[in-house]
């Protein structure tokens, strides 16, 4: 009994002493602190108040798409012939193209069945916030005042700031196209991917040159001239408006990016072809070519615009019964209103990275496409 009482009393005394010591510590009265907390061991870091990790910005709101049009055969481009100075009614460009990279018109030869060597996949670069912020054209923009008729010799306006022709011109809703929202190969319900010999019989076009990831389609060309192209199954139509957001990884004199409207069924009485964005050996420029008759480069109108193709830009073409107009970032850069120069058959989109070897070593190259959109 005494031992239990003593123990209890002892415990109470210890509690009282502890409380008193704590009070002294709180008032800073002469009680030394104990050993401080141990520093983190190696590999154990204390997170600072860093900004939260960035979340990949979503792609500009995907636009509604119409059902794909009937399937068309894959369409490689025709054999090139030297290109002459433009004739016809093209808007006066910064510099007319005279580089020998043109094409004859007419029916394109069907691709051969030659097996192509795979092209090493290269991860596409992530799009910047500017791309995500670009206007999507989901709803019609307030229509701008109708432009005055374009004179054949009107000056080309300065290149825009990343705007879309569809928004600037009030084209309304998208009726077909591809936002490249899937991962893997291009959507086979929307595209026929080329397999066979390359442009002008040089190199190879391989399905393995294409990959789709992170909302972007990438076509790669390797050091041996193996590259790719593909033809749209959608929007095979006469008249309409097409716009494509595209960039290259380098200003490459041998691998030329090309956005084309090509005749349906590969045939056209006047050998029609609309190259509404095409690179060349002059890597400081992008060019527009309208081929309007058979017989070579004497039958085309052209325009050229100084631009950095390694940056995202929006390239567009508007085809109406009144003529053909080209735009870069919403600004007009080409116009031909001569009725004799217009295609007489329906056309469809192709995307190509074409190889133009010159005997020197070729470096691997890429073209990336963010989206293709078609308007009525």
Protein backbone atom coordinates (compact mmCIF):
# COMPACT_ATOMS: atom_id res chain seq x y z
CA UNK A 1 0.00 0.00 0.00
CA UNK A 2 2.76 2.46 0.87
CA UNK A 3 4.78 1.43 -2.13
CA UNK A 4 1.82 2.06 -4.48
CA UNK A 5 1.09 5.42 -2.82
CA UNK A 6 4.73 6.44 -3.02
CA UNK A 7 4.90 5.47 -6.63
CA UNK A 8 1.79 7.44 -7.38
CA UNK A 9 3.15 10.46 -5.52
CA UNK A 10 6.43 10.12 -7.36
CA UNK A 11 4.67 10.07 -10.66
CA UNK A 12 2.65 13.15 -9.79
CA UNK A 13 5.81 14.98 -8.81
CA UNK A 14 7.45 14.10 -12.14
CA UNK A 15 4.43 15.37 -14.04
CA UNK A 16 4.52 18.64 -12.12
CA UNK A 17 8.22 19.05 -12.80
CA UNK A 18 7.69 18.38 -16.50
CA UNK A 19 4.91 20.96 -16.72
CA UNK A 20 7.10 23.52 -15.00
CA UNK A 21 10.01 22.80 -17.33
CA UNK A 22 7.74 23.22 -20.33
CA UNK A 23 6.53 26.57 -19.08
CA UNK A 24 10.11 27.72 -18.64
CA UNK A 25 10.97 26.60 -22.16
CA UNK A 26 8.04 28.52 -23.63
CA UNK A 27 9.12 31.72 -21.93
CA UNK A 28 12.75 31.23 -22.92
CA UNK A 29 13.92 31.00 -19.35
CA UNK A 30 17.16 29.12 -19.30
CA UNK A 31 16.13 25.64 -20.46
CA UNK A 32 18.38 24.46 -23.30
CA UNK A 33 16.81 22.86 -26.34
CA UNK A 34 17.39 19.20 -27.12
CA UNK A 35 19.30 17.97 -30.20
CA UNK A 36 17.69 19.33 -33.41
CA UNK A 37 15.93 17.24 -36.07
CA UNK A 38 18.27 15.24 -38.27
CA UNK A 39 18.99 16.58 -41.79
CA UNK A 40 17.53 14.60 -44.69
CA UNK A 41 19.63 11.66 -45.71
CA UNK A 42 21.05 11.55 -49.22
CA UNK A 43 18.24 11.14 -51.71
CA UNK A 44 15.70 12.54 -49.25
CA UNK A 45 15.02 16.09 -50.38
CA UNK A 46 12.66 18.62 -48.95
CA UNK A 47 10.37 19.96 -51.76
CA UNK A 48 10.51 23.72 -52.05
CA UNK A 49 7.52 25.83 -52.93
CA UNK A 50 8.07 25.28 -56.64
CA UNK A 51 5.46 26.06 -59.23
CA UNK A 52 3.25 23.07 -60.01
CA UNK A 53 4.42 20.92 -62.88
CA UNK A 54 3.05 22.11 -66.18
CA UNK A 55 0.22 20.13 -67.66
CA UNK A 56 0.42 19.61 -71.40
CA UNK A 57 -1.90 22.17 -72.89
CA UNK A 58 -4.82 20.52 -74.67
CA UNK A 59 -5.11 20.82 -78.39
CA UNK A 60 -7.19 23.71 -79.63
CA UNK A 61 -10.76 22.55 -79.32
CA UNK A 62 -11.36 19.85 -81.90
CA UNK A 63 -13.88 20.79 -84.48
CA UNK A 64 -16.78 18.62 -85.64
CA UNK A 65 -16.02 16.49 -88.65
CA UNK A 66 -18.29 15.26 -91.40
CA UNK A 67 -18.39 11.69 -92.56
CA UNK A 68 -15.50 10.74 -94.79
CA UNK A 69 -16.08 10.90 -98.53
CA UNK A 70 -15.67 7.80 -100.70
CA UNK A 71 -12.19 6.34 -100.78
CA UNK A 72 -9.74 7.61 -103.35
CA UNK A 73 -6.57 6.04 -104.61
CA UNK A 74 -3.28 7.26 -103.14
CA UNK A 75 -1.87 9.95 -105.38
CA UNK A 76 1.84 10.59 -105.74
CA UNK A 77 2.94 13.75 -107.49
CA UNK A 78 3.88 13.84 -111.12
CA UNK A 79 7.38 14.05 -112.55
CA UNK A 80 8.98 17.49 -112.19
CA UNK A 81 10.06 19.77 -115.00
CA UNK A 82 11.90 23.09 -114.75
CA UNK A 83 9.69 25.83 -113.41
CA UNK A 84 9.43 29.17 -115.19
CA UNK A 85 8.46 32.61 -114.00
CA UNK A 86 4.76 32.86 -113.27
CA UNK A 87 2.29 33.73 -115.97
CA UNK A 88 -1.35 34.60 -115.55
CA UNK A 89 -2.99 36.65 -112.81
CA UNK A 90 -1.11 35.88 -109.65
CA UNK A 91 -0.83 38.48 -106.94
CA UNK A 92 2.64 40.01 -107.07
CA UNK A 93 4.68 38.06 -104.48
CA UNK A 94 7.77 39.06 -102.53
CA UNK A 95 9.77 37.09 -105.06
CA UNK A 96 8.47 35.06 -107.96
CA UNK A 97 9.69 31.50 -108.03
CA UNK A 98 12.12 30.53 -110.75
CA UNK A 99 13.63 27.48 -109.04
CA UNK A 100 13.60 24.30 -111.17
CA UNK A 101 11.25 22.30 -108.94
CA UNK A 102 7.95 22.40 -110.79
CA UNK A 103 5.80 19.53 -111.99
CA UNK A 104 4.03 18.60 -115.15
CA UNK A 105 0.34 18.06 -114.80
CA UNK A 106 -1.77 15.14 -115.93
CA UNK A 107 -2.47 11.74 -114.52
CA UNK A 108 -0.06 10.65 -111.82
CA UNK A 109 1.50 7.24 -112.08
CA UNK A 110 0.20 4.81 -109.49
CA UNK A 111 2.72 3.95 -106.75
CA UNK A 112 4.64 0.72 -107.14
CA UNK A 113 4.45 -2.08 -104.62
CA UNK A 114 8.12 -1.85 -103.69
CA UNK A 115 8.63 -2.53 -100.03
CA UNK A 116 10.05 0.44 -98.15
CA UNK A 117 12.62 0.42 -95.38
CA UNK A 118 11.17 1.63 -92.07
CA UNK A 119 12.03 5.13 -91.01
CA UNK A 120 13.15 5.56 -87.42
CA UNK A 121 10.38 7.22 -85.45
CA UNK A 122 11.20 10.57 -83.95
CA UNK A 123 9.12 11.93 -81.11
CA UNK A 124 7.32 15.05 -82.34
CA UNK A 125 8.00 18.22 -80.43
CA UNK A 126 5.24 19.37 -78.12
CA UNK A 127 3.18 22.24 -79.38
CA UNK A 128 3.57 25.53 -77.61
CA UNK A 129 0.86 27.45 -75.92
CA UNK A 130 0.52 29.64 -78.97
CA UNK A 131 -0.77 26.67 -80.93
CA UNK A 132 -3.31 25.82 -78.27
CA UNK A 133 -4.43 29.43 -78.14
CA UNK A 134 -4.95 29.71 -81.89
CA UNK A 135 -8.53 30.27 -82.94
CA UNK A 136 -10.26 27.03 -83.84
CA UNK A 137 -13.14 28.20 -85.99
CA UNK A 138 -15.57 26.02 -84.01
CA UNK A 139 -18.20 28.70 -84.41
CA UNK A 140 -18.39 31.18 -87.25
CA UNK A 141 -16.55 34.39 -86.55
CA UNK A 142 -18.17 37.74 -87.17
CA UNK A 143 -17.85 38.08 -90.90
CA UNK A 144 -15.40 40.68 -92.05
CA UNK A 145 -16.52 43.10 -94.76
CA UNK A 146 -16.34 41.52 -98.17
CA UNK A 147 -12.95 42.24 -99.70
CA UNK A 148 -12.69 44.33 -102.79
CA UNK A 149 -12.02 42.45 -106.05
CA UNK A 150 -8.39 41.41 -106.24
CA UNK A 151 -6.43 43.09 -108.99
CA UNK A 152 -4.02 40.89 -110.89
CA UNK A 153 -1.19 43.18 -109.79
CA UNK A 154 -2.29 43.91 -106.22
CA UNK A 155 0.51 43.91 -103.65
CA UNK A 156 0.74 41.01 -101.22
CA UNK A 157 0.02 41.98 -97.62
CA UNK A 158 2.48 41.26 -94.85
CA UNK A 159 2.29 37.80 -93.32
CA UNK A 160 -0.06 37.51 -90.35
CA UNK A 161 0.50 36.53 -86.77
CA UNK A 162 -0.75 32.96 -86.57
CA UNK A 163 -4.42 33.64 -87.25
CA UNK A 164 -6.53 31.27 -89.30
CA UNK A 165 -8.03 32.25 -92.63
CA UNK A 166 -11.20 30.44 -91.53
CA UNK A 167 -11.57 32.80 -88.59
CA UNK A 168 -10.47 35.97 -90.34
CA UNK A 169 -12.67 35.28 -93.36
CA UNK A 170 -15.64 33.85 -91.46
CA UNK A 171 -15.72 30.47 -93.17
CA UNK A 172 -17.99 28.92 -90.58
CA UNK A 173 -18.00 25.34 -89.34
CA UNK A 174 -15.60 22.60 -90.38
CA UNK A 175 -17.21 20.00 -92.65
CA UNK A 176 -14.35 17.49 -92.85
CA UNK A 177 -10.70 17.01 -91.89
CA UNK A 178 -8.46 15.44 -89.28
CA UNK A 179 -7.34 16.67 -85.85
CA UNK A 180 -4.89 13.75 -85.46
CA UNK A 181 -6.27 12.86 -82.05
CA UNK A 182 -5.41 9.15 -82.29
CA UNK A 183 -2.01 7.58 -81.65
CA UNK A 184 -0.16 5.28 -84.05
CA UNK A 185 -0.55 5.20 -87.81
CA UNK A 186 -2.70 7.76 -89.66
CA UNK A 187 -6.44 7.04 -89.53
CA UNK A 188 -7.09 4.61 -92.39
CA UNK A 189 -10.69 5.80 -92.67
CA UNK A 190 -9.39 9.25 -93.58
CA UNK A 191 -6.09 8.70 -95.40
CA UNK A 192 -4.52 6.51 -98.06
CA UNK A 193 -0.83 6.32 -97.18
CA UNK A 194 1.63 6.17 -100.09
CA UNK A 195 3.79 3.09 -100.64
CA UNK A 196 6.23 2.96 -103.54
CA UNK A 197 8.76 5.14 -105.30
CA UNK A 198 9.33 8.72 -104.24
CA UNK A 199 8.69 11.98 -106.05
CA UNK A 200 10.10 11.94 -109.60
CA UNK A 201 11.17 8.34 -109.06
CA UNK A 202 13.72 9.28 -106.40
CA UNK A 203 13.78 7.58 -103.03
CA UNK A 204 10.89 5.68 -101.49
CA UNK A 205 7.55 6.57 -99.95
CA UNK A 206 6.92 4.31 -96.98
CA UNK A 207 3.86 4.00 -94.69
CA UNK A 208 6.32 3.60 -91.82
CA UNK A 209 7.48 7.18 -92.36
CA UNK A 210 4.25 8.38 -90.68
CA UNK A 211 3.37 8.46 -87.00
CA UNK A 212 0.64 10.19 -85.01
CA UNK A 213 1.08 11.19 -81.36
CA UNK A 214 0.25 14.07 -79.04
CA UNK A 215 -2.24 15.50 -81.51
CA UNK A 216 0.32 15.81 -84.31
CA UNK A 217 1.02 13.78 -87.46
CA UNK A 218 4.74 13.50 -88.26
CA UNK A 219 6.28 12.34 -91.53
CA UNK A 220 10.01 11.64 -91.43
CA UNK A 221 12.57 11.43 -94.20
CA UNK A 222 15.80 9.54 -93.57
CA UNK A 223 19.30 9.93 -94.97
CA UNK A 224 18.58 7.44 -97.76
CA UNK A 225 15.56 9.26 -99.19
CA UNK A 226 12.85 7.15 -97.57
CA UNK A 227 9.99 9.49 -96.76
CA UNK A 228 6.20 9.57 -96.97
CA UNK A 229 2.99 11.07 -98.20
CA UNK A 230 -0.74 10.44 -97.91
CA UNK A 231 -3.96 11.32 -99.69
CA UNK A 232 -7.26 12.32 -98.07
CA UNK A 233 -10.35 10.17 -98.51
CA UNK A 234 -12.50 13.03 -97.21
CA UNK A 235 -13.71 16.21 -98.96
CA UNK A 236 -13.18 15.06 -102.53
CA UNK A 237 -15.02 18.02 -103.95
CA UNK A 238 -15.15 20.79 -106.48
CA UNK A 239 -14.78 24.16 -104.75
CA UNK A 240 -14.26 24.66 -101.07
CA UNK A 241 -11.77 25.92 -98.52
CA UNK A 242 -8.87 23.98 -97.01
CA UNK A 243 -6.58 25.01 -94.16
CA UNK A 244 -3.63 23.14 -92.63
CA UNK A 245 -1.37 23.92 -89.68
CA UNK A 246 2.15 22.75 -90.49
CA UNK A 247 5.81 23.14 -89.59
CA UNK A 248 9.18 21.52 -90.36
CA UNK A 249 11.98 20.61 -87.97
CA UNK A 250 14.57 22.38 -90.14
CA UNK A 251 14.96 24.56 -93.20
CA UNK A 252 15.97 21.68 -95.40
CA UNK A 253 17.05 22.18 -99.05
CA UNK A 254 16.50 18.47 -99.86
CA UNK A 255 13.27 17.61 -98.04
CA UNK A 256 10.43 19.87 -99.15
CA UNK A 257 7.10 20.03 -97.29
CA UNK A 258 4.13 20.13 -99.66
CA UNK A 259 0.40 20.73 -99.06
CA UNK A 260 -1.49 19.89 -102.26
CA UNK A 261 -4.97 19.76 -103.73
CA UNK A 262 -4.81 16.92 -106.25
CA UNK A 263 -7.43 15.79 -108.82
CA UNK A 264 -9.79 13.05 -107.75
CA UNK A 265 -9.07 9.76 -109.51
CA UNK A 266 -5.66 11.21 -110.50
CA UNK A 267 -7.03 12.68 -113.71
CA UNK A 268 -7.71 16.21 -114.93
CA UNK A 269 -8.18 17.49 -118.51
CA UNK A 270 -6.05 20.57 -117.77
CA UNK A 271 -3.52 18.80 -115.53
CA UNK A 272 -4.74 20.75 -112.50
CA UNK A 273 -2.70 20.86 -109.31
CA UNK A 274 -2.79 23.35 -106.44
CA UNK A 275 0.33 23.39 -104.25
CA UNK A 276 -0.85 25.84 -101.61
CA UNK A 277 2.30 25.50 -99.49
CA UNK A 278 5.53 24.08 -100.89
CA UNK A 279 9.11 24.30 -99.74
CA UNK A 280 12.06 24.50 -102.12
CA UNK A 281 15.83 24.80 -102.15
CA UNK A 282 15.27 28.41 -101.11
CA UNK A 283 14.61 27.51 -97.49
CA UNK A 284 13.72 31.07 -96.49
CA UNK A 285 10.48 30.90 -98.46
CA UNK A 286 7.26 28.96 -98.85
CA UNK A 287 5.61 28.96 -102.28
CA UNK A 288 2.21 28.63 -103.93
CA UNK A 289 1.82 26.98 -107.34
CA UNK A 290 -1.32 26.72 -109.45
CA UNK A 291 -0.83 24.36 -112.40
CA UNK A 292 -3.57 25.08 -114.94
CA UNK A 293 -2.60 23.36 -118.22
CA UNK A 294 -0.63 20.39 -119.46
CA UNK A 295 2.78 20.98 -120.93
CA UNK A 296 5.05 21.89 -118.05
CA UNK A 297 6.08 24.90 -116.08
CA UNK A 298 4.98 27.44 -118.68
CA UNK A 299 1.41 26.83 -117.52
CA UNK A 300 1.33 27.82 -113.89
CA UNK A 301 1.00 30.86 -111.67
CA UNK A 302 3.18 31.18 -108.61
CA UNK A 303 3.84 33.28 -105.55
CA UNK A 304 6.50 33.12 -102.84
CA UNK A 305 6.57 34.39 -99.27
CA UNK A 306 9.52 34.73 -96.91
CA UNK A 307 8.67 32.76 -93.78
CA UNK A 308 10.24 30.52 -91.14
CA UNK A 309 8.80 27.09 -91.85
CA UNK A 310 10.17 25.71 -88.56
CA UNK A 311 7.45 27.68 -86.77
CA UNK A 312 3.79 26.70 -86.79
CA UNK A 313 1.89 28.51 -89.55
CA UNK A 314 -1.61 28.15 -90.99
CA UNK A 315 -1.70 27.65 -94.77
CA UNK A 316 -5.02 27.91 -96.59
CA UNK A 317 -6.53 27.85 -100.06
CA UNK A 318 -9.98 29.06 -101.10
CA UNK A 319 -11.36 27.74 -104.38
CA UNK A 320 -14.56 29.26 -105.76
CA UNK A 321 -16.00 29.70 -109.27
CA UNK A 322 -14.46 33.19 -109.20
CA UNK A 323 -10.87 32.07 -108.62
CA UNK A 324 -8.29 30.65 -106.26
CA UNK A 325 -6.83 32.51 -103.28
CA UNK A 326 -4.01 31.50 -100.95
CA UNK A 327 -3.47 32.61 -97.35
CA UNK A 328 -0.74 32.33 -94.72
CA UNK A 329 -1.86 32.98 -91.15
CA UNK A 330 -5.06 34.54 -92.44
CA UNK A 331 -3.36 37.01 -94.79
CA UNK A 332 -3.80 36.77 -98.56
CA UNK A 333 -0.58 35.84 -100.37
CA UNK A 334 -1.85 34.50 -103.73
CA UNK A 335 -4.76 35.06 -106.12
CA UNK A 336 -5.62 33.91 -109.63
CA UNK A 337 -9.00 34.93 -111.03
CA UNK A 338 -8.51 33.82 -114.62
CA UNK A 339 -11.38 31.39 -115.39
CA UNK A 340 -9.15 29.45 -117.79
CA UNK A 341 -6.78 28.62 -114.91
CA UNK A 342 -9.31 26.92 -112.64
CA UNK A 343 -9.50 23.13 -112.14
CA UNK A 344 -12.42 21.51 -113.91
CA UNK A 345 -12.68 18.41 -111.67
CA UNK A 346 -13.00 17.74 -107.97
CA UNK A 347 -9.84 17.85 -105.83
CA UNK A 348 -8.67 16.48 -102.49
CA UNK A 349 -5.92 17.08 -99.95
CA UNK A 350 -2.53 15.39 -99.94
CA UNK A 351 0.33 15.81 -97.43
CA UNK A 352 3.86 15.08 -98.65
CA UNK A 353 7.48 15.43 -97.62
CA UNK A 354 9.29 15.13 -100.96
CA UNK A 355 12.97 14.34 -101.46
CA UNK A 356 15.09 16.41 -103.86
CA UNK A 357 18.62 14.96 -103.71
CA UNK A 358 21.50 16.96 -105.18
CA UNK A 359 24.36 14.49 -104.85
CA UNK A 360 25.46 15.65 -101.39
CA UNK A 361 24.68 13.91 -98.12
CA UNK A 362 21.06 14.02 -96.97
CA UNK A 363 20.18 14.70 -93.36
CA UNK A 364 17.06 13.21 -91.72
CA UNK A 365 14.17 15.65 -91.73
CA UNK A 366 10.55 15.99 -90.62
CA UNK A 367 7.28 17.68 -91.42
CA UNK A 368 4.58 17.92 -88.75
CA UNK A 369 0.88 18.60 -89.26
CA UNK A 370 -1.30 19.75 -86.37
CA UNK A 371 -4.59 19.53 -88.23
CA UNK A 372 -6.30 19.62 -91.63
CA UNK A 373 -9.70 21.34 -91.84
CA UNK A 374 -12.09 21.69 -94.74
CA UNK A 375 -14.89 24.22 -95.04
CA UNK A 376 -17.81 24.43 -97.43
